Amino acid sequence: MPTKNPRINVALEKPIHSQIKRMAQENGLSLAMVTRGMVREALEMHEDAVLVRVADKRVAALAGRRNLAHAAVWE
């Protein structure tokens, strides 16, 4: 039966599989649902890390320059 969502097959080490299985049982969810949630969370964390690097570069580019204070911008 075709599905609307694409699939990815992943081979996991036994300890990782056991942890995911335990989490699924504790929460009454399927292995796929727990794994999908973990992948989403990991992607969000990765995105946050990328945005921090972008922000750090911008802050570094402003170093030594005259900047407006936050309150002055929003007056």
C-alpha atoms as a PDB file:
ATOM      1  CA  MET A   1       0.000   0.000   0.000  1.00  0.00           C
ATOM      2  CA  PRO A   2       1.572   3.322  -1.017  1.00  0.00           C
ATOM      3  CA  THR A   3       1.988   5.986   1.637  1.00  0.00           C
ATOM      4  CA  LYS A   4       1.995   9.752   1.349  1.00  0.00           C
ATOM      5  CA  ASN A   5       5.098  10.233   3.508  1.00  0.00           C
ATOM      6  CA  PRO A   6       8.563   9.217   2.314  1.00  0.00           C
ATOM      7  CA  ARG A   7      10.386   6.519   4.238  1.00  0.00           C
ATOM      8  CA  ILE A   8      13.961   6.151   5.472  1.00  0.00           C
ATOM      9  CA  ASN A   9      15.389   2.834   6.629  1.00  0.00           C
ATOM     10  CA  VAL A  10      18.005   3.131   9.357  1.00  0.00           C
ATOM     11  CA  ALA A  11      20.101   0.432  10.997  1.00  0.00           C
ATOM     12  CA  LEU A  12      20.541   1.142  14.716  1.00  0.00           C
ATOM     13  CA  GLU A  13      22.896  -0.332  17.270  1.00  0.00           C
ATOM     14  CA  LYS A  14      21.110  -2.576  19.778  1.00  0.00           C
ATOM     15  CA  PRO A  15      21.464  -0.166  22.746  1.00  0.00           C
ATOM     16  CA  ILE A  16      19.908   2.700  20.762  1.00  0.00           C
ATOM     17  CA  HIS A  17      17.093   0.484  19.504  1.00  0.00           C
ATOM     18  CA  SER A  18      16.452  -0.726  23.058  1.00  0.00           C
ATOM     19  CA  GLN A  19      16.224   2.849  24.350  1.00  0.00           C
ATOM     20  CA  ILE A  20      13.793   3.887  21.634  1.00  0.00           C
ATOM     21  CA  LYS A  21      11.715   0.756  22.196  1.00  0.00           C
ATOM     22  CA  ARG A  22      11.570   1.460  25.944  1.00  0.00           C
ATOM     23  CA  MET A  23      10.532   5.077  25.313  1.00  0.00           C
ATOM     24  CA  ALA A  24       7.831   3.925  22.894  1.00  0.00           C
ATOM     25  CA  GLN A  25       6.433   1.439  25.399  1.00  0.00           C
ATOM     26  CA  GLU A  26       6.486   3.958  28.248  1.00  0.00           C
ATOM     27  CA  ASN A  27       4.552   6.488  26.178  1.00  0.00           C
ATOM     28  CA  GLY A  28       2.261   4.081  24.340  1.00  0.00           C
ATOM     29  CA  LEU A  29       3.665   5.087  20.967  1.00  0.00           C
ATOM     30  CA  SER A  30       5.116   3.231  18.024  1.00  0.00           C
ATOM     31  CA  LEU A  31       8.850   3.010  17.378  1.00  0.00           C
ATOM     32  CA  ALA A  32       8.314   5.122  14.257  1.00  0.00           C
ATOM     33  CA  MET A  33       6.532   7.888  16.155  1.00  0.00           C
ATOM     34  CA  VAL A  34       9.249   8.094  18.817  1.00  0.00           C
ATOM     35  CA  THR A  35      12.006   8.033  16.207  1.00  0.00           C
ATOM     36  CA  ARG A  36      10.283  10.697  14.089  1.00  0.00           C
ATOM     37  CA  GLY A  37       9.955  12.932  17.152  1.00  0.00           C
ATOM     38  CA  MET A  38      13.631  12.485  17.965  1.00  0.00           C
ATOM     39  CA  VAL A  39      14.666  13.317  14.399  1.00  0.00           C
ATOM     40  CA  ARG A  40      12.521  16.470  14.475  1.00  0.00           C
ATOM     41  CA  GLU A  41      14.075  17.517  17.780  1.00  0.00           C
ATOM     42  CA  ALA A  42      17.592  16.886  16.444  1.00  0.00           C
ATOM     43  CA  LEU A  43      16.844  18.977  13.335  1.00  0.00           C
ATOM     44  CA  GLU A  44      15.574  21.844  15.502  1.00  0.00           C
ATOM     45  CA  MET A  45      18.721  21.677  17.629  1.00  0.00           C
ATOM     46  CA  HIS A  46      20.861  21.699  14.490  1.00  0.00           C
ATOM     47  CA  GLU A  47      18.957  24.694  13.134  1.00  0.00           C
ATOM     48  CA  ASP A  48      19.447  26.524  16.444  1.00  0.00           C
ATOM     49  CA  ALA A  49      23.191  25.853  16.311  1.00  0.00           C
ATOM     50  CA  VAL A  50      23.401  27.198  12.756  1.00  0.00           C
ATOM     51  CA  LEU A  51      21.491  30.337  13.725  1.00  0.00           C
ATOM     52  CA  VAL A  52      23.798  30.888  16.704  1.00  0.00           C
ATOM     53  CA  ARG A  53      26.796  30.751  14.362  1.00  0.00           C
ATOM     54  CA  VAL A  54      25.135  33.287  12.031  1.00  0.00           C
ATOM     55  CA  ALA A  55      24.358  35.584  14.969  1.00  0.00           C
ATOM     56  CA  ASP A  56      27.912  35.273  16.298  1.00  0.00           C
ATOM     57  CA  LYS A  57      29.318  36.261  12.900  1.00  0.00           C
ATOM     58  CA  ARG A  58      27.035  39.295  12.794  1.00  0.00           C
ATOM     59  CA  VAL A  59      28.023  40.360  16.299  1.00  0.00           C
ATOM     60  CA  ALA A  60      31.702  39.941  15.415  1.00  0.00           C
ATOM     61  CA  ALA A  61      31.206  42.073  12.293  1.00  0.00           C
ATOM     62  CA  LEU A  62      29.834  44.881  14.491  1.00  0.00           C
ATOM     63  CA  ALA A  63      32.710  44.790  16.968  1.00  0.00           C
ATOM     64  CA  GLY A  64      34.389  48.164  17.290  1.00  0.00           C
ATOM     65  CA  ARG A  65      31.659  49.987  15.391  1.00  0.00           C
ATOM     66  CA  ARG A  66      29.252  52.507  16.801  1.00  0.00           C
ATOM     67  CA  ASN A  67      25.875  50.845  17.354  1.00  0.00           C
ATOM     68  CA  LEU A  68      22.480  52.055  18.445  1.00  0.00           C
ATOM     69  CA  ALA A  69      21.170  50.891  21.801  1.00  0.00           C
ATOM     70  CA  HIS A  70      18.079  48.689  21.804  1.00  0.00           C
ATOM     71  CA  ALA A  71      15.948  51.418  23.412  1.00  0.00           C
ATOM     72  CA  ALA A  72      17.057  53.962  20.799  1.00  0.00           C
ATOM     73  CA  VAL A  73      15.964  51.719  17.962  1.00  0.00           C
ATOM     74  CA  TRP A  74      12.486  51.224  19.394  1.00  0.00           C
ATOM     75  CA  GLU A  75      11.745  54.812  20.372  1.00  0.00           C
END
